[in-house]
Structure formats: structure tokens, C-alpha cells
Amino acid sequence: MKRSRMEVGRWRMLRQVGRRKSRWLEAQSRRNIRIHSIRKRLLSRHRHSLLFIASYEA
């Protein structure tokens, strides 16, 4: 069955939109991973420095 020009155009647009959305989501999750790793590193450094302060005072 042959599809009309309008149908083909609509189908292509839908596919493009879906692809763009999935790419955007992927990029977002990558950014979030980076943010989380930076936060984790900062927290561990902070805890580490607190440990040293506590050991010197004791």
C-alpha cells in the first residue's frame, strides 16, 4: 500500500522528534552523573578534612 506524501512527512517528523527527545534525555543523564560525581568528591573531601581536625584535637 502506497502512503500519501502528507503521511510520509508526518511519520518522518514524528521519528525526528522522538530521536531528538531521546538524545536530549541521554545528554541530561550524562550531565547528572557528572554533577553527582563532583558532589560526591566534594563531600568525601569535606569528611576527610573533618576527620583530620578531630584527630588533631584529641
N, C-alpha and C. Protein backbone atom coordinates (compact mmCIF):
# COMPACT_ATOMS: atom_id res chain seq x y z
N MET A 1 0.84 -1.20 0.00
CA MET A 1 0.00 0.00 0.00
C MET A 1 0.88 1.26 0.00
N LYS A 2 0.63 2.14 -0.95
CA LYS A 2 1.42 3.37 -1.05
C LYS A 2 0.91 4.43 -0.08
N ARG A 3 1.83 5.05 0.58
CA ARG A 3 1.44 6.10 1.53
C ARG A 3 1.43 7.47 0.84
N SER A 4 0.54 8.34 1.31
CA SER A 4 0.47 9.68 0.73
C SER A 4 1.67 10.52 1.20
N ARG A 5 1.95 11.55 0.47
CA ARG A 5 3.08 12.42 0.78
C ARG A 5 2.96 13.01 2.19
N MET A 6 1.74 13.42 2.53
CA MET A 6 1.49 14.00 3.87
C MET A 6 1.80 12.99 4.96
N GLU A 7 1.36 11.75 4.74
CA GLU A 7 1.58 10.70 5.73
C GLU A 7 3.06 10.45 5.96
N VAL A 8 3.80 10.37 4.87
CA VAL A 8 5.24 10.13 4.96
C VAL A 8 5.92 11.27 5.71
N GLY A 9 5.53 12.50 5.39
CA GLY A 9 6.09 13.68 6.05
C GLY A 9 5.83 13.66 7.54
N ARG A 10 4.60 13.35 7.90
CA ARG A 10 4.21 13.31 9.31
C ARG A 10 5.01 12.24 10.05
N TRP A 11 5.14 11.07 9.42
CA TRP A 11 5.86 9.95 10.03
C TRP A 11 7.32 10.31 10.26
N ARG A 12 7.92 10.99 9.25
CA ARG A 12 9.33 11.41 9.40
C ARG A 12 9.50 12.40 10.53
N MET A 13 8.57 13.36 10.61
CA MET A 13 8.65 14.38 11.66
C MET A 13 8.55 13.73 13.04
N LEU A 14 7.61 12.79 13.19
CA LEU A 14 7.43 12.11 14.47
C LEU A 14 8.71 11.37 14.87
N ARG A 15 9.32 10.70 13.89
CA ARG A 15 10.54 9.95 14.17
C ARG A 15 11.67 10.88 14.60
N GLN A 16 11.76 12.03 13.91
CA GLN A 16 12.80 13.01 14.22
C GLN A 16 12.63 13.57 15.64
N VAL A 17 11.39 13.89 15.98
CA VAL A 17 11.09 14.44 17.32
C VAL A 17 11.47 13.42 18.40
N GLY A 18 11.10 12.17 18.17
CA GLY A 18 11.42 11.11 19.14
C GLY A 18 12.91 10.95 19.33
N ARG A 19 13.62 10.98 18.20
CA ARG A 19 15.07 10.84 18.25
C ARG A 19 15.72 11.99 19.01
N ARG A 20 15.23 13.21 18.73
CA ARG A 20 15.77 14.40 19.40
C ARG A 20 15.54 14.32 20.91
N LYS A 21 14.35 13.88 21.29
CA LYS A 21 13.99 13.77 22.71
C LYS A 21 14.89 12.75 23.42
N SER A 22 15.10 11.60 22.77
CA SER A 22 15.92 10.56 23.41
C SER A 22 17.37 11.03 23.54
N ARG A 23 17.85 11.75 22.53
CA ARG A 23 19.22 12.29 22.60
C ARG A 23 19.34 13.28 23.75
N TRP A 24 18.33 14.13 23.89
CA TRP A 24 18.34 15.14 24.95
C TRP A 24 18.35 14.46 26.32
N LEU A 25 17.51 13.43 26.48
CA LEU A 25 17.45 12.70 27.75
C LEU A 25 18.80 12.07 28.08
N GLU A 26 19.44 11.50 27.06
CA GLU A 26 20.74 10.88 27.25
C GLU A 26 21.76 11.91 27.73
N ALA A 27 21.75 13.08 27.10
CA ALA A 27 22.68 14.15 27.49
C ALA A 27 22.41 14.60 28.92
N GLN A 28 21.13 14.71 29.28
CA GLN A 28 20.77 15.13 30.63
C GLN A 28 21.30 14.15 31.66
N SER A 29 21.11 12.86 31.41
CA SER A 29 21.55 11.86 32.39
C SER A 29 23.07 11.89 32.52
N ARG A 30 23.77 12.12 31.39
CA ARG A 30 25.23 12.22 31.47
C ARG A 30 25.65 13.40 32.33
N ARG A 31 24.95 14.54 32.13
CA ARG A 31 25.25 15.73 32.93
C ARG A 31 25.02 15.45 34.41
N ASN A 32 23.89 14.79 34.71
CA ASN A 32 23.56 14.48 36.09
C ASN A 32 24.61 13.60 36.74
N ILE A 33 25.11 12.62 35.98
CA ILE A 33 26.14 11.73 36.51
C ILE A 33 27.37 12.55 36.88
N ARG A 34 27.75 13.47 35.99
CA ARG A 34 28.92 14.31 36.25
C ARG A 34 28.72 15.16 37.51
N ILE A 35 27.54 15.76 37.63
CA ILE A 35 27.23 16.59 38.80
C ILE A 35 27.30 15.76 40.07
N HIS A 36 26.70 14.56 40.04
CA HIS A 36 26.70 13.70 41.23
C HIS A 36 28.12 13.31 41.62
N SER A 37 28.96 12.99 40.64
CA SER A 37 30.33 12.57 40.96
C SER A 37 31.11 13.72 41.58
N ILE A 38 30.90 14.93 41.06
CA ILE A 38 31.58 16.11 41.63
C ILE A 38 31.13 16.33 43.07
N ARG A 39 29.82 16.25 43.30
CA ARG A 39 29.29 16.44 44.66
C ARG A 39 29.85 15.40 45.62
N LYS A 40 29.91 14.15 45.15
CA LYS A 40 30.40 13.07 45.98
C LYS A 40 31.85 13.33 46.38
N ARG A 41 32.65 13.77 45.39
CA ARG A 41 34.05 14.06 45.65
C ARG A 41 34.20 15.18 46.68
N LEU A 42 33.40 16.23 46.53
CA LEU A 42 33.46 17.35 47.47
C LEU A 42 33.08 16.90 48.88
N LEU A 43 32.02 16.08 48.98
CA LEU A 43 31.58 15.59 50.29
C LEU A 43 32.65 14.74 50.96
N SER A 44 33.25 13.83 50.19
CA SER A 44 34.28 12.96 50.78
C SER A 44 35.48 13.78 51.24
N ARG A 45 35.84 14.81 50.46
CA ARG A 45 36.96 15.68 50.85
C ARG A 45 36.63 16.41 52.16
N HIS A 46 35.39 16.87 52.25
CA HIS A 46 34.95 17.59 53.44
C HIS A 46 35.01 16.67 54.67
N ARG A 47 34.48 15.45 54.53
CA ARG A 47 34.50 14.49 55.63
C ARG A 47 35.93 14.17 56.03
N HIS A 48 36.80 14.01 55.04
CA HIS A 48 38.20 13.68 55.27
C HIS A 48 38.87 14.78 56.10
N SER A 49 38.63 16.03 55.72
CA SER A 49 39.24 17.15 56.44
C SER A 49 38.69 17.22 57.87
N LEU A 50 37.39 16.92 58.05
CA LEU A 50 36.81 16.91 59.39
C LEU A 50 37.46 15.83 60.26
N LEU A 51 37.75 14.69 59.66
CA LEU A 51 38.41 13.60 60.40
C LEU A 51 39.77 14.05 60.92
N PHE A 52 40.52 14.73 60.05
CA PHE A 52 41.84 15.20 60.46
C PHE A 52 41.77 16.22 61.57
N ILE A 53 40.79 17.13 61.49
CA ILE A 53 40.62 18.15 62.54
C ILE A 53 40.31 17.47 63.87
N ALA A 54 39.42 16.47 63.83
CA ALA A 54 39.01 15.76 65.06
C ALA A 54 40.19 15.00 65.66
N SER A 55 41.05 14.42 64.82
CA SER A 55 42.16 13.62 65.34
C SER A 55 43.25 14.52 65.95
N TYR A 56 43.40 15.73 65.41
CA TYR A 56 44.40 16.64 65.97
C TYR A 56 43.96 17.19 67.33
N GLU A 57 42.67 17.42 67.49
CA GLU A 57 42.17 17.98 68.75
C GLU A 57 42.22 16.95 69.88
N ALA A 58 42.08 15.70 69.56
CA ALA A 58 42.00 14.65 70.59
C ALA A 58 43.34 14.38 71.27
